[in-house]
Amino acid sequence: MATEAVIKVVALCGSLREASYNRGLLNAAMEICKDSIKGMEIEYVDISSLPFTNEDLEVNGTYPDDVEFFRKKIEEADCFLFASPEYNYSVTAPLKNAIDWASRPPNVWADKSAAIVSAGGNFGGGRAHYHLRQIGIYIDLHFINKPELFVFAFESPPKFDSNGVLIHEETKHKLKPVLLALQAFALRLKRQV
């Protein structure tokens, strides 16, 4: 009997804040996956220790230890779940830095799928989605188109508690279809390889 393929997801948060709402979305996604989605595992990978992208740190085709560790996690993943607030109409600097490190030769993002969720003010972080999609074109990363999830974090009723834990049940219900769409797309891409 064939074993069911397990889709390995690396979750990346663009916010470094301890009680980040975007980290809260990723924690909720990991919980949902563990409780109710078979054949999918999500691992959070911290990007806070990565140095600024700098070719001077590349020595004889190798990278600093934190970068090598990060690149290995990206290389081993089947797909990615990004959660990022919007900074000045775009993605955050720490997230862009992480993306750039993993795109250095050889690009370890290529031919994989991804999904984006976000929490923030005004547009719920939505403009960061569009910049991530633009970046994805160049690094050959394929984002699911729908469903999209933008959480208006500062509107009533409260979506997160003071520790950044997602407490809004409706948002949790909207998160699960994003994960299922990512899983389905990742499986499709794996079959094409």
Protein backbone atom coordinates (compact mmCIF):
# COMPACT_ATOMS: atom_id res chain seq x y z
CA MET A 1 0.00 0.00 0.00
CA ALA A 2 1.44 3.39 -1.05
CA THR A 3 1.99 5.92 1.69
CA GLU A 4 0.38 9.31 1.34
CA ALA A 5 2.78 12.07 0.34
CA VAL A 6 3.45 14.57 3.09
CA ILE A 7 3.73 18.16 1.95
CA LYS A 8 6.41 20.00 3.95
CA VAL A 9 5.61 23.67 4.41
CA VAL A 10 8.06 26.25 5.70
CA ALA A 11 6.28 29.18 7.36
CA LEU A 12 8.02 32.56 7.28
CA CYS A 13 7.01 35.69 9.16
CA GLY A 14 7.95 39.16 7.96
CA SER A 15 7.50 40.66 11.42
CA LEU A 16 10.14 40.14 14.08
CA ARG A 17 7.93 41.47 16.88
CA GLU A 18 7.42 38.94 19.69
CA ALA A 19 3.61 39.31 19.78
CA SER A 20 3.31 39.73 16.02
CA TYR A 21 -0.18 39.25 14.62
CA ASN A 22 1.36 37.74 11.51
CA ARG A 23 3.23 35.22 13.63
CA GLY A 24 -0.16 34.58 15.29
CA LEU A 25 -1.58 33.70 11.87
CA LEU A 26 1.26 31.22 11.31
CA ASN A 27 0.78 29.67 14.75
CA ALA A 28 -2.93 29.26 14.03
CA ALA A 29 -2.11 27.72 10.63
CA MET A 30 0.22 25.19 12.30
CA GLU A 31 -2.50 24.30 14.80
CA ILE A 32 -5.16 23.91 12.08
CA CYS A 33 -2.82 21.76 10.01
CA LYS A 34 -1.96 19.52 12.94
CA ASP A 35 -5.60 19.13 13.99
CA SER A 36 -7.43 18.78 10.70
CA ILE A 37 -5.28 18.55 7.54
CA LYS A 38 -3.75 15.18 6.75
CA GLY A 39 -0.60 14.92 4.68
CA MET A 40 0.75 18.37 5.46
CA GLU A 41 3.29 19.59 8.02
CA ILE A 42 4.14 23.23 8.73
CA GLU A 43 7.44 24.27 10.29
CA TYR A 44 8.08 27.84 11.36
CA VAL A 45 11.55 29.05 10.38
CA ASP A 46 12.86 32.14 12.16
CA ILE A 47 14.60 34.72 9.95
CA SER A 48 15.71 37.13 12.68
CA SER A 49 19.32 35.93 12.84
CA LEU A 50 20.06 36.33 9.12
CA PRO A 51 22.71 38.97 8.38
CA PHE A 52 22.00 41.59 5.72
CA THR A 53 22.51 40.19 2.25
CA ASN A 54 26.11 40.93 1.31
CA GLU A 55 28.17 39.13 -1.33
CA ASP A 56 31.30 39.75 0.78
CA LEU A 57 29.90 37.13 3.20
CA GLU A 58 29.93 34.49 0.44
CA VAL A 59 33.23 32.62 0.57
CA ASN A 60 34.12 29.95 -2.00
CA GLY A 61 30.47 29.20 -2.74
CA THR A 62 29.47 28.98 0.93
CA TYR A 63 27.41 31.27 3.10
CA PRO A 64 27.43 32.18 6.83
CA ASP A 65 26.12 29.37 9.07
CA ASP A 66 22.71 30.99 9.72
CA VAL A 67 22.26 31.53 5.99
CA GLU A 68 23.30 27.96 5.14
CA PHE A 69 20.81 26.64 7.71
CA PHE A 70 18.04 28.84 6.30
CA ARG A 71 18.80 27.91 2.69
CA LYS A 72 18.72 24.19 3.60
CA LYS A 73 15.26 24.60 5.18
CA ILE A 74 14.02 26.35 2.03
CA GLU A 75 15.58 23.72 -0.23
CA GLU A 76 13.98 20.84 1.72
CA ALA A 77 10.50 22.39 1.74
CA ASP A 78 7.81 21.56 -0.79
CA CYS A 79 6.11 24.93 -0.39
CA PHE A 80 5.89 28.07 1.72
CA LEU A 81 3.44 30.03 3.81
CA PHE A 82 4.33 33.71 4.12
CA ALA A 83 2.77 35.99 6.72
CA SER A 84 3.85 39.59 6.62
CA PRO A 85 2.61 43.00 7.53
CA GLU A 86 2.87 45.79 5.00
CA TYR A 87 5.66 48.33 5.55
CA ASN A 88 5.45 51.45 3.40
CA TYR A 89 3.25 49.70 0.79
CA SER A 90 5.61 46.73 0.49
CA VAL A 91 7.09 43.67 2.20
CA THR A 92 9.19 44.04 5.32
CA ALA A 93 12.98 44.38 5.14
CA PRO A 94 13.66 41.16 7.13
CA LEU A 95 11.47 39.12 4.80
CA LYS A 96 12.98 40.61 1.64
CA ASN A 97 16.44 39.93 3.07
CA ALA A 98 15.55 36.26 3.69
CA ILE A 99 14.12 35.92 0.20
CA ASP A 100 17.27 37.41 -1.29
CA TRP A 101 19.58 35.05 0.62
CA ALA A 102 17.69 31.97 -0.58
CA SER A 103 17.69 33.25 -4.16
CA ARG A 104 21.50 33.46 -4.30
CA PRO A 105 23.00 30.75 -6.54
CA PRO A 106 21.65 28.19 -6.62
CA ASN A 107 18.15 29.65 -6.16
CA VAL A 108 16.39 27.28 -3.72
CA TRP A 109 12.90 28.80 -4.17
CA ALA A 110 12.50 27.68 -7.78
CA ASP A 111 9.54 25.60 -8.96
CA LYS A 112 7.79 25.56 -5.59
CA SER A 113 4.42 26.87 -4.48
CA ALA A 114 3.51 29.44 -1.85
CA ALA A 115 0.62 31.19 -0.17
CA ILE A 116 0.43 34.56 1.57
CA VAL A 117 -1.61 35.66 4.57
CA SER A 118 -1.35 38.98 6.35
CA ALA A 119 -2.62 41.04 9.23
CA GLY A 120 -2.38 44.79 9.49
CA GLY A 121 -4.17 48.11 9.24
CA ASN A 122 -6.06 49.74 6.38
CA PHE A 123 -5.73 47.10 3.65
CA GLY A 124 -4.84 44.26 6.05
CA GLY A 125 -1.31 44.06 4.67
CA GLY A 126 -2.62 43.42 1.17
CA ARG A 127 -0.16 45.57 -0.73
CA ALA A 128 2.66 43.38 0.61
CA HIS A 129 0.93 40.44 -1.11
CA TYR A 130 1.33 42.05 -4.49
CA HIS A 131 5.01 42.82 -4.01
CA LEU A 132 5.65 39.26 -2.84
CA ARG A 133 3.94 38.02 -6.00
CA GLN A 134 6.18 40.28 -8.12
CA ILE A 135 9.28 38.95 -6.36
CA GLY A 136 7.99 35.41 -6.91
CA ILE A 137 8.02 35.92 -10.68
CA TYR A 138 11.76 36.50 -10.72
CA ILE A 139 12.69 33.72 -8.29
CA ASP A 140 10.34 31.23 -10.01
CA LEU A 141 8.06 30.83 -6.98
CA HIS A 142 4.41 30.08 -7.77
CA PHE A 143 1.74 31.60 -5.53
CA ILE A 144 -1.81 30.31 -5.20
CA ASN A 145 -4.23 32.92 -6.51
CA LYS A 146 -7.18 32.23 -4.25
CA PRO A 147 -8.30 32.29 -1.56
CA GLU A 148 -6.63 35.42 -0.27
CA LEU A 149 -6.54 36.34 3.41
CA PHE A 150 -6.08 39.91 4.62
CA VAL A 151 -6.88 40.40 8.31
CA PHE A 152 -7.90 43.90 9.39
CA ALA A 153 -6.15 43.55 12.74
CA PHE A 154 -7.15 46.84 14.31
CA GLU A 155 -10.88 46.76 13.59
CA SER A 156 -13.49 45.48 16.02
CA PRO A 157 -14.07 42.75 17.05
CA PRO A 158 -10.53 41.94 18.26
CA LYS A 159 -8.74 39.40 16.09
CA PHE A 160 -5.71 38.76 18.33
CA ASP A 161 -5.03 38.87 22.05
CA SER A 162 -2.19 40.90 23.62
CA ASN A 163 0.23 38.01 23.00
CA GLY A 164 -0.53 37.89 19.28
CA VAL A 165 -2.67 34.75 19.52
CA LEU A 166 -5.43 34.57 16.91
CA ILE A 167 -8.72 34.51 18.82
CA HIS A 168 -11.16 35.37 16.03
CA GLU A 169 -12.96 32.18 14.96
CA GLU A 170 -14.10 33.55 11.59
CA THR A 171 -10.48 34.30 10.65
CA LYS A 172 -9.49 30.75 11.66
CA HIS A 173 -12.21 29.42 9.36
CA LYS A 174 -10.84 31.56 6.50
CA LEU A 175 -7.30 30.32 7.12
CA LYS A 176 -8.02 26.64 6.54
CA PRO A 177 -9.06 27.00 2.84
CA VAL A 178 -5.78 28.85 2.18
CA LEU A 179 -3.87 25.88 3.59
CA LEU A 180 -5.91 23.37 1.60
CA ALA A 181 -5.35 25.34 -1.62
CA LEU A 182 -1.61 25.47 -0.92
CA GLN A 183 -1.52 21.72 -0.28
CA ALA A 184 -3.40 20.97 -3.51
CA PHE A 185 -1.15 23.25 -5.57
CA ALA A 186 2.02 21.81 -4.03
CA LEU A 187 0.86 18.29 -4.86
CA ARG A 188 0.12 19.34 -8.46
CA LEU A 189 3.58 20.85 -8.86
CA LYS A 190 5.24 17.75 -7.35
CA ARG A 191 3.45 15.50 -9.84
CA GLN A 192 4.73 17.59 -12.75
CA VAL A 193 8.37 17.18 -11.74
